[in-house]
C-alpha atoms as a PDB file:
ATOM      1  CA  MET A   1     -11.016  60.753 -25.058  1.00  0.00           C
ATOM      2  CA  LEU A   2      -9.816  59.547 -27.715  1.00  0.00           C
ATOM      3  CA  SER A   3      -7.759  62.317 -28.989  1.00  0.00           C
ATOM      4  CA  THR A   4      -8.720  66.167 -28.988  1.00  0.00           C
ATOM      5  CA  ASN A   5     -10.765  67.730 -31.651  1.00  0.00           C
ATOM      6  CA  ASP A   6      -9.350  70.654 -32.220  1.00  0.00           C
ATOM      7  CA  PRO A   7      -5.303  68.850 -33.160  1.00  0.00           C
ATOM      8  CA  GLU A   8      -2.125  70.511 -32.897  1.00  0.00           C
ATOM      9  CA  PRO A   9       0.716  69.195 -34.860  1.00  0.00           C
ATOM     10  CA  GLU A  10       2.346  68.765 -31.956  1.00  0.00           C
ATOM     11  CA  GLU A  11       0.070  67.355 -29.511  1.00  0.00           C
ATOM     12  CA  LYS A  12       0.850  64.417 -27.866  1.00  0.00           C
ATOM     13  CA  MET A  13      -1.695  62.049 -25.995  1.00  0.00           C
ATOM     14  CA  SER A  14      -1.579  62.096 -22.549  1.00  0.00           C
ATOM     15  CA  LEU A  15      -2.349  60.056 -19.897  1.00  0.00           C
ATOM     16  CA  VAL A  16      -5.462  61.171 -18.450  1.00  0.00           C
ATOM     17  CA  THR A  17      -6.305  60.685 -22.861  1.00  0.00           C
ATOM     18  CA  ALA A  18      -4.160  57.398 -22.766  1.00  0.00           C
ATOM     19  CA  LEU A  19      -6.730  56.132 -19.040  1.00  0.00           C
ATOM     20  CA  SER A  20     -10.287  57.420 -20.888  1.00  0.00           C
ATOM     21  CA  ASN A  21      -9.345  55.219 -24.211  1.00  0.00           C
ATOM     22  CA  VAL A  22      -8.503  52.182 -22.178  1.00  0.00           C
ATOM     23  CA  ARG A  23     -11.522  52.681 -19.781  1.00  0.00           C
ATOM     24  CA  TRP A  24     -13.697  53.438 -22.966  1.00  0.00           C
ATOM     25  CA  ALA A  25     -11.986  50.598 -24.494  1.00  0.00           C
ATOM     26  CA  GLU A  26     -13.456  48.522 -21.413  1.00  0.00           C
ATOM     27  CA  ARG A  27     -16.665  49.527 -21.459  1.00  0.00           C
ATOM     28  CA  ARG A  28     -17.001  48.585 -25.466  1.00  0.00           C
ATOM     29  CA  ALA A  29     -14.848  45.273 -25.917  1.00  0.00           C
ATOM     30  CA  VAL A  30     -12.882  47.477 -28.204  1.00  0.00           C
ATOM     31  CA  SER A  31      -9.013  46.934 -28.014  1.00  0.00           C
ATOM     32  CA  ALA A  32      -7.455  49.310 -26.066  1.00  0.00           C
ATOM     33  CA  ASP A  33      -4.265  48.929 -28.169  1.00  0.00           C
ATOM     34  CA  ALA A  34      -5.600  49.860 -31.428  1.00  0.00           C
ATOM     35  CA  ILE A  35      -6.760  53.204 -30.275  1.00  0.00           C
ATOM     36  CA  LEU A  36      -3.450  54.546 -28.685  1.00  0.00           C
ATOM     37  CA  ALA A  37      -1.986  53.918 -31.537  1.00  0.00           C
ATOM     38  CA  ILE A  38      -4.035  55.538 -33.996  1.00  0.00           C
ATOM     39  CA  ALA A  39      -5.660  58.381 -32.083  1.00  0.00           C
ATOM     40  CA  HIS A  40      -2.990  60.351 -31.724  1.00  0.00           C
ATOM     41  CA  GLY A  41      -3.457  64.064 -33.079  1.00  0.00           C
ATOM     42  CA  ARG A  42      -7.174  62.638 -34.539  1.00  0.00           C
ATOM     43  CA  PRO A  43     -10.601  63.354 -33.224  1.00  0.00           C
ATOM     44  CA  THR A  44     -12.065  61.754 -31.319  1.00  0.00           C
ATOM     45  CA  LEU A  45     -15.527  60.745 -33.762  1.00  0.00           C
ATOM     46  CA  ASP A  46     -12.734  60.363 -36.702  1.00  0.00           C
ATOM     47  CA  THR A  47     -10.772  57.510 -34.218  1.00  0.00           C
ATOM     48  CA  MET A  48     -14.179  55.842 -33.429  1.00  0.00           C
ATOM     49  CA  ARG A  49     -14.540  55.413 -37.070  1.00  0.00           C
ATOM     50  CA  LEU A  50     -11.923  53.224 -37.430  1.00  0.00           C
ATOM     51  CA  VAL A  51     -11.680  51.161 -34.902  1.00  0.00           C
ATOM     52  CA  ALA A  52     -14.913  50.985 -33.722  1.00  0.00           C
ATOM     53  CA  PRO A  53     -17.225  52.288 -36.802  1.00  0.00           C
ATOM     54  CA  GLN A  54     -20.759  50.911 -33.996  1.00  0.00           C
ATOM     55  CA  TYR A  55     -19.877  52.884 -31.442  1.00  0.00           C
ATOM     56  CA  ALA A  56     -18.220  55.523 -33.756  1.00  0.00           C
ATOM     57  CA  THR A  57     -21.415  58.872 -33.579  1.00  0.00           C
ATOM     58  CA  PRO A  58     -21.636  62.019 -32.307  1.00  0.00           C
ATOM     59  CA  GLU A  59     -22.802  61.708 -28.712  1.00  0.00           C
ATOM     60  CA  GLU A  60     -20.558  58.887 -27.488  1.00  0.00           C
ATOM     61  CA  ALA A  61     -17.441  61.084 -29.021  1.00  0.00           C
ATOM     62  CA  ALA A  62     -19.204  63.880 -26.905  1.00  0.00           C
ATOM     63  CA  ALA A  63     -19.526  61.979 -23.943  1.00  0.00           C
ATOM     64  CA  LEU A  64     -16.127  60.433 -24.344  1.00  0.00           C
ATOM     65  CA  ASP A  65     -14.357  63.849 -24.828  1.00  0.00           C
ATOM     66  CA  ALA A  66     -16.466  64.906 -21.131  1.00  0.00           C
ATOM     67  CA  GLU A  67     -15.117  62.228 -19.449  1.00  0.00           C
ATOM     68  CA  GLU A  68     -11.508  63.345 -20.077  1.00  0.00           C
ATOM     69  CA  ALA A  69     -11.855  67.077 -19.937  1.00  0.00           C
ATOM     70  CA  ALA A  70     -13.513  66.148 -16.253  1.00  0.00           C
ATOM     71  CA  GLU A  71     -10.633  64.118 -15.332  1.00  0.00           C
ATOM     72  CA  GLU A  72      -8.262  67.165 -16.309  1.00  0.00           C
ATOM     73  CA  GLY A  73      -6.397  68.783 -13.583  1.00  0.00           C
ATOM     74  CA  GLY A  74      -6.463  65.241 -11.264  1.00  0.00           C
ATOM     75  CA  GLU A  75      -3.283  64.380 -12.299  1.00  0.00           C
ATOM     76  CA  THR A  76      -0.432  63.306  -9.479  1.00  0.00           C
ATOM     77  CA  PRO A  77       2.791  63.405 -11.266  1.00  0.00           C
ATOM     78  CA  VAL A  78       5.314  60.051 -11.143  1.00  0.00           C
ATOM     79  CA  PRO A  79       7.791  60.542  -8.434  1.00  0.00           C
ATOM     80  CA  GLY A  80      11.078  61.334  -9.887  1.00  0.00           C
ATOM     81  CA  ALA A  81       9.055  62.822 -13.305  1.00  0.00           C
ATOM     82  CA  ALA A  82       9.542  66.479 -11.999  1.00  0.00           C
ATOM     83  CA  ALA A  83      13.554  65.700 -11.364  1.00  0.00           C
ATOM     84  CA  LEU A  84      14.466  64.022 -14.782  1.00  0.00           C
ATOM     85  CA  LEU A  85      12.207  67.017 -17.112  1.00  0.00           C
ATOM     86  CA  ALA A  86      14.015  69.661 -15.697  1.00  0.00           C
ATOM     87  CA  SER A  87      17.820  67.555 -16.183  1.00  0.00           C
ATOM     88  CA  LEU A  88      17.683  67.029 -19.792  1.00  0.00           C
ATOM     89  CA  PRO A  89      18.850  70.129 -21.628  1.00  0.00           C
ATOM     90  CA  ALA A  90      17.107  72.801 -22.980  1.00  0.00           C
ATOM     91  CA  ASP A  91      17.324  72.069 -26.644  1.00  0.00           C
ATOM     92  CA  ARG A  92      15.558  68.673 -26.535  1.00  0.00           C
END
């Protein structure tokens, strides 16, 4: 998914989202950098309209959203990430 269809202002693009975006971009020969630069907090279809209007259909957006949803939960943390996050001050 390029972004969620229910964006929250504090939403951050997850690694799963970024990987889904990159794979979609590769399949469509679209710049992944352009997508990642604007996708945060933006509905999938809106991002498609800006970056790849030729593919911007509700069906294409729904397929990408479904791809991301199917991948959620299978993430593997980077070694040391949990310790790093735990070491940060609580007010940050």
